[in-house]
Protein backbone atom coordinates (compact mmCIF):
# COMPACT_ATOMS: atom_id res chain seq x y z
CA MET A 1 -18.25 1.75 -10.72
CA ARG A 2 -17.33 -0.44 -13.11
CA THR A 3 -13.88 -0.74 -15.17
CA GLU A 4 -12.70 -3.02 -17.92
CA LEU A 5 -9.16 -3.46 -19.37
CA VAL A 6 -8.30 -5.27 -21.99
CA SER A 7 -4.78 -5.42 -24.16
CA GLU A 8 -3.76 -7.62 -26.50
CA PRO A 9 -0.48 -7.84 -28.70
CA GLY A 10 -0.74 -7.91 -32.55
CA ASP A 11 1.15 -10.55 -32.74
CA PRO A 12 1.49 -13.73 -29.84
CA ALA A 13 5.45 -14.38 -30.30
CA ARG A 14 5.89 -10.59 -29.60
CA PRO A 15 5.98 -8.79 -26.66
CA ASN A 16 2.71 -6.10 -26.50
CA GLU A 17 4.20 -2.88 -27.34
CA ASP A 18 1.05 -1.03 -25.36
CA PHE A 19 0.85 -0.03 -21.35
CA ALA A 20 -2.40 0.17 -19.77
CA GLY A 21 -3.98 1.24 -16.17
CA VAL A 22 -6.79 1.75 -14.10
CA LEU A 23 -5.90 3.57 -11.33
CA LEU A 24 -8.31 3.90 -7.77
CA PRO A 25 -6.82 6.19 -5.31
CA ALA A 26 -6.75 4.39 -1.69
CA SER A 27 -8.89 7.40 -0.38
CA GLY A 28 -11.49 5.80 -2.61
CA ARG A 29 -12.13 8.95 -4.43
CA GLY A 30 -11.74 10.00 -8.26
CA GLY A 31 -9.19 8.03 -10.41
CA THR A 32 -6.99 7.72 -13.34
CA VAL A 33 -6.83 6.22 -16.75
CA VAL A 34 -3.29 5.82 -18.60
CA VAL A 35 -2.78 4.70 -21.94
CA LEU A 36 -0.06 4.22 -23.85
CA ASP A 37 0.95 2.69 -27.54
CA GLY A 38 4.15 2.29 -28.32
CA VAL A 39 5.91 2.71 -31.47
CA THR A 40 7.52 0.20 -33.02
CA PRO A 41 10.68 0.81 -35.08
CA PRO A 42 11.30 -0.18 -38.52
CA ARG A 43 14.35 -2.28 -39.13
CA GLY A 44 17.64 -0.82 -38.21
CA ALA A 45 19.33 1.47 -35.78
CA THR A 46 17.57 3.37 -32.87
CA GLY A 47 19.97 4.71 -31.20
CA CYS A 48 18.81 3.04 -27.96
CA LEU A 49 19.58 -0.19 -26.08
CA HIS A 50 16.17 -0.88 -24.82
CA SER A 51 12.84 -1.85 -26.57
CA VAL A 52 9.93 -0.55 -27.10
CA PRO A 53 8.21 -2.04 -24.22
CA TRP A 54 10.71 -1.42 -21.73
CA PHE A 55 10.16 2.59 -22.66
CA THR A 56 6.19 2.04 -22.29
CA ALA A 57 6.76 0.06 -18.90
CA ARG A 58 9.15 3.39 -17.18
CA LEU A 59 7.04 5.86 -18.89
CA GLY A 60 3.74 4.33 -18.08
CA GLY A 61 4.81 3.74 -14.56
CA ALA A 62 5.97 7.47 -14.18
CA LEU A 63 2.73 8.08 -15.21
CA THR A 64 0.67 6.16 -12.56
CA GLU A 65 3.06 7.63 -9.71
CA LEU A 66 2.27 10.81 -10.91
CA THR A 67 -0.95 11.08 -11.74
CA VAL A 68 -2.34 9.35 -8.72
CA SER A 69 0.24 10.65 -6.00
CA ARG A 70 0.20 14.44 -7.32
CA PRO A 71 -3.46 15.22 -7.93
CA ASP A 72 -2.72 18.84 -8.04
CA MET A 73 -0.34 18.88 -10.94
CA PRO A 74 -1.98 18.69 -14.26
CA LEU A 75 -1.82 15.96 -16.81
CA ALA A 76 0.62 17.62 -19.16
CA GLU A 77 2.79 18.19 -16.38
CA ALA A 78 2.86 14.83 -14.73
CA LEU A 79 3.46 13.94 -18.28
CA ALA A 80 6.42 16.37 -19.01
CA HIS A 81 7.97 15.11 -15.26
CA ALA A 82 7.38 11.48 -16.54
CA ILE A 83 9.20 12.07 -19.85
CA GLY A 84 11.94 13.73 -18.45
CA ARG A 85 12.05 10.80 -15.62
CA THR A 86 12.49 8.22 -18.26
CA ALA A 87 14.94 10.15 -20.65
CA GLY A 88 16.81 9.98 -17.39
CA LEU A 89 17.38 6.23 -16.60
CA HIS A 90 18.89 6.00 -19.96
CA ALA A 91 20.33 8.98 -21.14
CA ASP A 92 23.87 8.11 -20.41
CA THR A 93 23.98 5.23 -22.81
CA CYS A 94 21.43 6.03 -25.63
CA ASP A 95 21.57 8.74 -28.26
CA LEU A 96 18.18 10.46 -27.22
CA SER A 97 17.93 12.83 -29.84
CA HIS A 98 17.67 9.54 -32.64
CA PRO A 99 14.51 10.47 -34.60
CA ARG A 100 13.53 6.50 -33.45
CA THR A 101 14.76 6.93 -30.00
CA PRO A 102 11.40 4.84 -28.32
CA GLN A 103 8.44 6.90 -27.96
CA ALA A 104 4.69 6.02 -27.28
CA THR A 105 1.09 7.92 -27.96
CA VAL A 106 -0.59 9.17 -24.83
CA VAL A 107 -3.91 8.94 -23.24
CA LEU A 108 -4.78 10.12 -19.78
CA ALA A 109 -8.08 10.42 -17.94
CA ARG A 110 -8.14 11.78 -14.51
CA TRP A 111 -11.20 12.12 -12.47
CA GLN A 112 -11.84 13.89 -8.90
CA GLY A 113 -13.83 16.12 -7.05
CA ASP A 114 -16.42 17.94 -10.18
CA ALA A 115 -13.72 17.73 -12.74
CA VAL A 116 -12.64 15.28 -15.57
CA GLU A 117 -8.81 16.32 -16.90
CA TYR A 118 -7.96 14.49 -20.07
CA LEU A 119 -5.06 14.36 -22.19
CA VAL A 120 -4.02 13.24 -25.36
CA LEU A 121 -0.88 12.78 -27.48
CA SER A 122 -0.59 11.15 -31.08
CA ASP A 123 -3.08 8.83 -32.66
CA SER A 124 -4.73 6.89 -29.59
CA THR A 125 -8.21 7.66 -28.80
CA LEU A 126 -10.42 9.09 -25.52
CA LEU A 127 -13.96 8.81 -26.08
CA VAL A 128 -16.19 10.57 -23.39
CA GLU A 129 -20.02 9.62 -23.04
CA SER A 130 -22.32 12.20 -21.74
CA PRO A 131 -25.26 11.31 -19.47
CA ASP A 132 -27.68 11.97 -22.56
CA GLY A 133 -25.79 9.25 -24.48
CA LYS A 134 -23.66 11.42 -26.48
CA VAL A 135 -20.05 10.28 -27.36
CA THR A 136 -17.42 12.79 -27.86
CA PRO A 137 -14.17 11.65 -29.43
CA PHE A 138 -10.87 13.25 -28.01
CA LEU A 139 -8.07 13.40 -30.48
CA ASP A 140 -4.76 14.68 -31.43
CA ASP A 141 -5.10 14.17 -35.49
CA ARG A 142 -2.29 15.77 -36.41
CA LEU A 143 -1.03 12.77 -38.14
CA ALA A 144 -4.25 11.81 -39.98
CA ARG A 145 -4.24 15.47 -41.32
CA LEU A 146 -0.98 14.69 -43.09
CA PRO A 147 -0.90 13.78 -46.71
CA ARG A 148 -0.62 10.42 -47.63
CA SER A 149 2.35 11.66 -49.67
CA ALA A 150 4.07 12.79 -46.83
CA LEU A 151 4.03 9.55 -45.00
CA ALA A 152 5.29 7.82 -47.65
CA THR A 153 8.77 6.41 -46.73
CA ASP A 154 10.24 6.48 -43.06
CA ALA A 155 13.10 8.27 -43.80
CA VAL A 156 11.26 11.33 -44.94
CA VAL A 157 8.81 10.82 -41.49
CA ASP A 158 11.73 10.88 -39.55
CA ALA A 159 13.37 13.79 -40.95
CA GLU A 160 10.98 16.04 -41.38
CA LEU A 161 7.54 15.06 -39.55
CA ARG A 162 8.68 13.24 -36.44
CA ASN A 163 8.29 15.26 -33.36
CA ARG A 164 8.90 18.44 -35.15
CA GLU A 165 6.50 21.70 -35.93
CA GLY A 166 4.02 21.23 -39.03
CA GLY A 167 4.54 16.93 -38.25
CA PHE A 168 2.87 15.34 -36.06
CA PHE A 169 4.46 14.93 -31.97
CA THR A 170 4.95 11.59 -29.69
CA ALA A 171 6.42 11.02 -26.34
CA ALA A 172 10.11 10.44 -26.90
CA ALA A 173 12.80 12.21 -24.83
CA ASP A 174 11.86 15.69 -24.96
CA PRO A 175 9.49 16.81 -22.36
CA SER A 176 8.54 19.89 -24.19
CA VAL A 177 6.56 17.87 -26.46
CA ALA A 178 3.46 17.64 -23.50
CA ALA A 179 2.59 21.00 -24.11
CA ARG A 180 1.79 19.73 -27.70
CA ALA A 181 -0.76 17.24 -26.22
CA VAL A 182 -4.98 18.08 -26.48
CA THR A 183 -5.97 18.68 -22.90
CA GLY A 184 -8.84 20.13 -21.14
CA THR A 185 -11.29 19.76 -18.15
CA LEU A 186 -14.79 19.13 -18.13
CA PRO A 187 -17.15 18.96 -15.44
CA ARG A 188 -17.77 15.43 -13.41
CA SER A 189 -21.65 15.65 -14.13
CA GLU A 190 -21.19 15.60 -17.74
CA VAL A 191 -19.55 12.95 -17.94
CA ARG A 192 -20.87 9.12 -17.30
CA ALA A 193 -18.40 6.54 -19.00
CA LEU A 194 -14.86 6.94 -20.87
CA VAL A 195 -13.11 4.83 -23.31
CA ALA A 196 -9.60 5.11 -23.85
CA LEU A 197 -8.38 2.81 -27.30
CA THR A 198 -5.40 2.30 -28.49
CA ASP A 199 -4.85 2.53 -32.82
CA GLY A 200 -4.77 -1.01 -32.95
CA ALA A 201 -8.68 -0.96 -31.61
CA THR A 202 -10.03 1.83 -32.92
CA ARG A 203 -9.10 0.07 -36.20
CA TRP A 204 -12.63 -1.14 -36.42
CA VAL A 205 -14.17 2.95 -36.75
CA GLU A 206 -11.14 4.85 -38.20
CA THR A 207 -9.95 1.56 -40.58
CA PHE A 208 -12.44 -1.07 -41.07
CA ARG A 209 -15.88 1.81 -41.09
CA GLU A 210 -17.79 -0.95 -39.04
CA GLY A 211 -19.72 2.10 -37.16
CA GLY A 212 -19.11 5.42 -35.24
CA TRP A 213 -17.38 6.20 -32.30
CA ALA A 214 -21.16 5.87 -30.30
CA ASP A 215 -21.36 2.34 -31.83
CA CYS A 216 -17.52 1.79 -30.74
CA LEU A 217 -18.54 2.54 -27.14
CA ASP A 218 -21.96 0.66 -27.27
CA VAL A 219 -19.78 -2.57 -28.58
CA VAL A 220 -17.34 -1.95 -25.27
CA ARG A 221 -20.69 -1.55 -22.60
CA ALA A 222 -22.54 -4.28 -24.26
CA GLU A 223 -20.14 -7.22 -25.06
CA GLY A 224 -16.74 -6.29 -23.47
CA ALA A 225 -13.88 -4.67 -24.43
CA GLU A 226 -12.29 -7.84 -25.79
CA ALA A 227 -15.68 -8.10 -27.90
CA LEU A 228 -14.35 -5.30 -29.89
CA VAL A 229 -10.66 -6.07 -29.99
CA GLU A 230 -12.12 -9.53 -31.65
CA ARG A 231 -14.06 -7.97 -33.84
CA VAL A 232 -11.28 -5.88 -35.35
CA ARG A 233 -9.15 -9.08 -35.43
CA VAL A 234 -11.82 -11.09 -37.92
CA LEU A 235 -11.87 -7.97 -40.00
CA GLU A 236 -8.45 -8.03 -40.23
CA ARG A 237 -7.84 -11.68 -41.28
CA ALA A 238 -10.56 -11.04 -43.96
CA ASP A 239 -9.05 -7.99 -45.59
CA THR A 240 -6.63 -10.50 -47.48
CA GLY A 241 -6.57 -8.48 -50.48
CA ARG A 242 -5.43 -5.28 -48.54
CA VAL A 243 -8.32 -3.32 -49.42
CA PHE A 244 -8.12 -1.66 -45.53
CA LEU A 245 -5.21 -2.40 -44.52
CA ARG A 246 -2.69 -1.63 -47.10
CA ARG A 247 0.45 -0.75 -46.32
CA SER A 248 -0.28 -0.98 -42.46
CA LYS A 249 0.51 -4.41 -40.68
CA THR A 250 -1.94 -7.34 -40.67
CA HIS A 251 -2.57 -6.72 -36.93
CA ASP A 252 -1.63 -4.63 -34.61
CA ASP A 253 -1.31 -4.44 -30.15
CA ALA A 254 -4.80 -3.39 -29.29
CA THR A 255 -6.06 -2.10 -25.81
CA VAL A 256 -9.23 -0.87 -24.70
CA VAL A 257 -9.82 0.34 -21.24
CA TYR A 258 -13.64 1.35 -20.36
CA ALA A 259 -14.41 3.04 -16.81
CA GLU A 260 -17.81 3.97 -15.72
CA LEU A 261 -17.84 7.29 -13.25
């Protein structure tokens, strides 16, 4: 079995807000991928004393423990428990109802026995390659389907769309959002490899249009996860006219996890 993990901050002077892990149980059978992309808040109050990296470390730690120690627990249930556990760590000190309380996108994949389970919440991506080479992206595209005009200001997004019906959902402090995730189960015989990516890495496909999802997986397999991130960085630096990046930050935290089953 081959696994590879790369996570690079968008700005070396700032903490990486992503979390990533590849977990191989002591039994030697099966495994789990956990990837979180912490949501960078705008300047101003968030209602919380804690940073986004504080949050992703604790939510990621809870998911790490639950997805391995409770193989019988569905991934959505594990996410709900992890969100609740993390919320409990700062409910007494922070306003968890604030729309910008620390939060993250989530990708989970777990393989055991004859099955591969997956979960995607918000705009990170899971790629699944079948033995015949076909690559299928599993996406939660609710944010992408919103009209650009609806995302004009942070205030409007927070008031009308963030973690609201008709908008999009992230893992913040409400365990019930786990039920909003894209989930499913595949026969393990139909899965050869997995790639989990935060949107800082999916820019190669979604922002710069350098190739499709199958091309993306090919780059990671042939050149390595770090090569994909470096390709993105080259494109970001070259986009001096903001033709592709527009209002987006020049460099985002970028995480790639690759696992061959």
